[in-house]
C-alpha atoms as a PDB file:
ATOM      1  CA  TYR A   1       4.557-239.316-312.289  1.00  0.00           C
ATOM      2  CA  GLU A   2       7.423-241.735-312.414  1.00  0.00           C
ATOM      3  CA  VAL A   3       9.565-242.087-309.330  1.00  0.00           C
ATOM      4  CA  ALA A   4      12.943-243.763-309.126  1.00  0.00           C
ATOM      5  CA  ILE A   5      15.214-244.171-306.135  1.00  0.00           C
ATOM      6  CA  ALA A   6      18.985-243.990-306.498  1.00  0.00           C
ATOM      7  CA  ALA A   7      21.444-244.473-303.673  1.00  0.00           C
ATOM      8  CA  ARG A   8      25.186-244.799-303.462  1.00  0.00           C
ATOM      9  CA  ARG A   9      24.528-248.287-302.093  1.00  0.00           C
ATOM     10  CA  GLY A  10      22.449-250.085-304.700  1.00  0.00           C
ATOM     11  CA  ASP A  11      21.023-252.573-302.199  1.00  0.00           C
ATOM     12  CA  ALA A  12      19.603-249.699-300.140  1.00  0.00           C
ATOM     13  CA  ALA A  13      17.976-248.176-303.233  1.00  0.00           C
ATOM     14  CA  ASP A  14      16.531-251.540-304.216  1.00  0.00           C
ATOM     15  CA  ARG A  15      15.043-252.171-300.757  1.00  0.00           C
ATOM     16  CA  LEU A  16      13.440-248.722-300.522  1.00  0.00           C
ATOM     17  CA  ALA A  17      12.162-248.921-304.101  1.00  0.00           C
ATOM     18  CA  GLU A  18      10.581-252.282-303.335  1.00  0.00           C
ATOM     19  CA  VAL A  19       8.821-250.928-300.232  1.00  0.00           C
ATOM     20  CA  LEU A  20       7.566-247.873-302.137  1.00  0.00           C
ATOM     21  CA  ARG A  21       6.758-249.927-305.251  1.00  0.00           C
ATOM     22  CA  VAL A  22       8.820-247.699-307.527  1.00  0.00           C
ATOM     23  CA  ASP A  23      11.855-248.250-309.729  1.00  0.00           C
ATOM     24  CA  SER A  24      15.424-248.149-308.534  1.00  0.00           C
ATOM     25  CA  LEU A  25      18.241-246.622-310.518  1.00  0.00           C
ATOM     26  CA  ALA A  26      21.950-247.341-310.248  1.00  0.00           C
ATOM     27  CA  TRP A  27      23.782-244.351-308.740  1.00  0.00           C
ATOM     28  CA  GLU A  28      26.141-244.186-311.709  1.00  0.00           C
ATOM     29  CA  ASP A  29      23.142-243.978-314.073  1.00  0.00           C
ATOM     30  CA  THR A  30      21.532-240.910-312.476  1.00  0.00           C
ATOM     31  CA  GLY A  31      23.245-238.667-315.020  1.00  0.00           C
ATOM     32  CA  GLU A  32      21.324-240.386-317.813  1.00  0.00           C
ATOM     33  CA  SER A  33      17.948-239.808-316.192  1.00  0.00           C
ATOM     34  CA  GLU A  34      15.776-236.988-317.515  1.00  0.00           C
ATOM     35  CA  SER A  35      13.908-236.446-314.277  1.00  0.00           C
ATOM     36  CA  ASP A  36      12.033-233.219-313.644  1.00  0.00           C
ATOM     37  CA  LEU A  37      13.053-233.258-309.976  1.00  0.00           C
ATOM     38  CA  TYR A  38      16.178-234.374-308.177  1.00  0.00           C
ATOM     39  CA  VAL A  39      16.126-234.682-304.398  1.00  0.00           C
ATOM     40  CA  ASN A  40      19.430-235.091-302.604  1.00  0.00           C
ATOM     41  CA  ALA A  41      18.840-236.723-299.236  1.00  0.00           C
ATOM     42  CA  THR A  42      22.359-238.125-298.925  1.00  0.00           C
ATOM     43  CA  SER A  43      25.076-236.674-296.721  1.00  0.00           C
ATOM     44  CA  LEU A  44      26.918-235.399-299.814  1.00  0.00           C
ATOM     45  CA  GLY A  45      27.407-231.694-299.361  1.00  0.00           C
ATOM     46  CA  THR A  46      28.047-231.515-295.646  1.00  0.00           C
ATOM     47  CA  GLN A  47      31.805-231.351-296.238  1.00  0.00           C
ATOM     48  CA  GLU A  48      33.524-228.575-298.201  1.00  0.00           C
ATOM     49  CA  ASN A  49      35.163-230.936-300.714  1.00  0.00           C
ATOM     50  CA  ASP A  50      32.127-233.140-301.390  1.00  0.00           C
ATOM     51  CA  PRO A  51      31.159-233.483-305.050  1.00  0.00           C
ATOM     52  CA  PRO A  52      27.664-232.554-306.262  1.00  0.00           C
ATOM     53  CA  ALA A  53      25.097-235.272-305.582  1.00  0.00           C
ATOM     54  CA  VAL A  54      23.510-234.696-308.995  1.00  0.00           C
ATOM     55  CA  PRO A  55      25.737-235.367-312.014  1.00  0.00           C
ATOM     56  CA  ALA A  56      26.322-232.324-314.231  1.00  0.00           C
ATOM     57  CA  GLU A  57      24.855-234.062-317.286  1.00  0.00           C
ATOM     58  CA  ALA A  58      21.586-234.595-315.394  1.00  0.00           C
ATOM     59  CA  LEU A  59      21.276-230.832-314.986  1.00  0.00           C
ATOM     60  CA  GLU A  60      21.396-230.089-318.721  1.00  0.00           C
ATOM     61  CA  HIS A  61      17.597-230.168-319.094  1.00  0.00           C
ATOM     62  CA  ARG A  62      17.234-227.916-316.002  1.00  0.00           C
ATOM     63  CA  PRO A  63      15.251-229.970-313.505  1.00  0.00           C
ATOM     64  CA  LEU A  64      14.183-228.638-310.130  1.00  0.00           C
ATOM     65  CA  VAL A  65      16.875-229.564-307.603  1.00  0.00           C
ATOM     66  CA  PHE A  66      15.935-229.995-303.953  1.00  0.00           C
ATOM     67  CA  ASP A  67      19.039-230.397-301.809  1.00  0.00           C
ATOM     68  CA  CYS A  68      17.974-231.503-298.313  1.00  0.00           C
ATOM     69  CA  VAL A  69      21.546-230.983-297.126  1.00  0.00           C
ATOM     70  CA  TYR A  70      22.569-227.729-295.510  1.00  0.00           C
ATOM     71  CA  ARG A  71      25.919-226.547-294.277  1.00  0.00           C
ATOM     72  CA  LYS A  72      26.385-225.239-290.763  1.00  0.00           C
ATOM     73  CA  ASP A  73      28.128-222.112-292.054  1.00  0.00           C
ATOM     74  CA  GLY A  74      25.256-221.368-294.444  1.00  0.00           C
ATOM     75  CA  SER A  75      27.367-221.715-297.586  1.00  0.00           C
ATOM     76  CA  PRO A  76      25.797-223.512-300.557  1.00  0.00           C
ATOM     77  CA  THR A  77      26.610-227.165-301.138  1.00  0.00           C
ATOM     78  CA  ALA A  78      28.338-228.364-304.299  1.00  0.00           C
ATOM     79  CA  THR A  79      24.952-229.651-305.480  1.00  0.00           C
ATOM     80  CA  VAL A  80      23.376-226.209-305.084  1.00  0.00           C
ATOM     81  CA  ARG A  81      26.337-224.508-306.795  1.00  0.00           C
ATOM     82  CA  ALA A  82      26.207-226.958-309.724  1.00  0.00           C
ATOM     83  CA  ALA A  83      22.441-226.565-310.110  1.00  0.00           C
ATOM     84  CA  ARG A  84      22.685-222.776-310.062  1.00  0.00           C
ATOM     85  CA  ALA A  85      25.516-222.856-312.611  1.00  0.00           C
ATOM     86  CA  ALA A  86      23.233-224.938-314.859  1.00  0.00           C
ATOM     87  CA  ARG A  87      20.438-222.399-314.257  1.00  0.00           C
ATOM     88  CA  CYS A  88      18.207-224.956-312.536  1.00  0.00           C
ATOM     89  CA  PRO A  89      15.633-223.870-309.984  1.00  0.00           C
ATOM     90  CA  VAL A  90      16.936-224.856-306.541  1.00  0.00           C
ATOM     91  CA  VAL A  91      15.454-225.370-303.094  1.00  0.00           C
ATOM     92  CA  GLU A  92      18.171-225.420-300.430  1.00  0.00           C
ATOM     93  CA  GLY A  93      18.131-227.616-297.344  1.00  0.00           C
ATOM     94  CA  ILE A  94      18.322-224.651-294.978  1.00  0.00           C
ATOM     95  CA  ARG A  95      14.951-223.508-296.336  1.00  0.00           C
ATOM     96  CA  MET A  96      13.462-226.917-295.624  1.00  0.00           C
ATOM     97  CA  PHE A  97      14.977-226.874-292.129  1.00  0.00           C
ATOM     98  CA  ALA A  98      13.587-223.389-291.409  1.00  0.00           C
ATOM     99  CA  SER A  99      10.140-224.409-292.649  1.00  0.00           C
ATOM    100  CA  GLN A 100      10.192-227.508-290.442  1.00  0.00           C
ATOM    101  CA  ALA A 101      11.335-225.438-287.444  1.00  0.00           C
ATOM    102  CA  VAL A 102       8.445-222.991-287.877  1.00  0.00           C
ATOM    103  CA  ARG A 103       5.886-225.766-288.102  1.00  0.00           C
ATOM    104  CA  GLN A 104       7.431-227.482-285.081  1.00  0.00           C
ATOM    105  CA  ALA A 105       7.334-224.236-283.077  1.00  0.00           C
ATOM    106  CA  ARG A 106       3.665-223.771-283.953  1.00  0.00           C
ATOM    107  CA  LEU A 107       2.916-227.301-282.752  1.00  0.00           C
ATOM    108  CA  PHE A 108       4.374-226.246-279.413  1.00  0.00           C
ATOM    109  CA  GLY A 109       2.296-223.083-279.243  1.00  0.00           C
ATOM    110  CA  VAL A 110       4.623-220.455-280.724  1.00  0.00           C
ATOM    111  CA  VAL A 111       2.017-218.872-282.981  1.00  0.00           C
ATOM    112  CA  ASP A 112       4.142-215.986-284.270  1.00  0.00           C
ATOM    113  CA  ALA A 113       7.085-218.080-285.559  1.00  0.00           C
ATOM    114  CA  ARG A 114       8.127-216.848-289.014  1.00  0.00           C
ATOM    115  CA  GLU A 115      10.268-218.646-291.566  1.00  0.00           C
ATOM    116  CA  GLU A 116      12.249-215.489-292.422  1.00  0.00           C
ATOM    117  CA  GLU A 117      13.264-215.027-288.791  1.00  0.00           C
ATOM    118  CA  VAL A 118      14.190-218.683-288.363  1.00  0.00           C
ATOM    119  CA  SER A 119      16.242-218.560-291.588  1.00  0.00           C
ATOM    120  CA  ARG A 120      18.173-215.536-290.291  1.00  0.00           C
ATOM    121  CA  ILE A 121      18.886-217.302-287.008  1.00  0.00           C
ATOM    122  CA  LEU A 122      19.992-220.485-288.769  1.00  0.00           C
ATOM    123  CA  SER A 123      22.298-218.413-290.974  1.00  0.00           C
ATOM    124  CA  GLY A 124      23.921-216.910-287.896  1.00  0.00           C
ATOM    125  CA  VAL A 125      22.331-213.468-288.305  1.00  0.00           C
ATOM    126  CA  ARG A 126      21.019-212.271-284.964  1.00  0.00           C
ATOM    127  CA  PRO A 127      18.691-209.269-284.513  1.00  0.00           C
END
């Protein structure tokens, strides 16, 4: 597998890429990449008017998009909306958060924690 790090601040991408011994990619060049997976771990998407973190042209070959960001109101981020519009498979940040919460609960002895229940709670749906 090839891994490249892109960040809005190029110096940050370069430093992380050096530590991980992978390539760095200029943020403005991410649309030209033909990656099979895009992971958004930026803060883009937390605000209603944020643009997608993955350029539309990068979605043309339908990569898997993993958006670590989640919105407090449960609505999809611009990245998730753009990926779905391009018919890309998507993993939303709220799913990651729910999965982490379940594993954390189990570490603290809550053996019957279930991801579905945690997801409902995080989405504001109470039993």
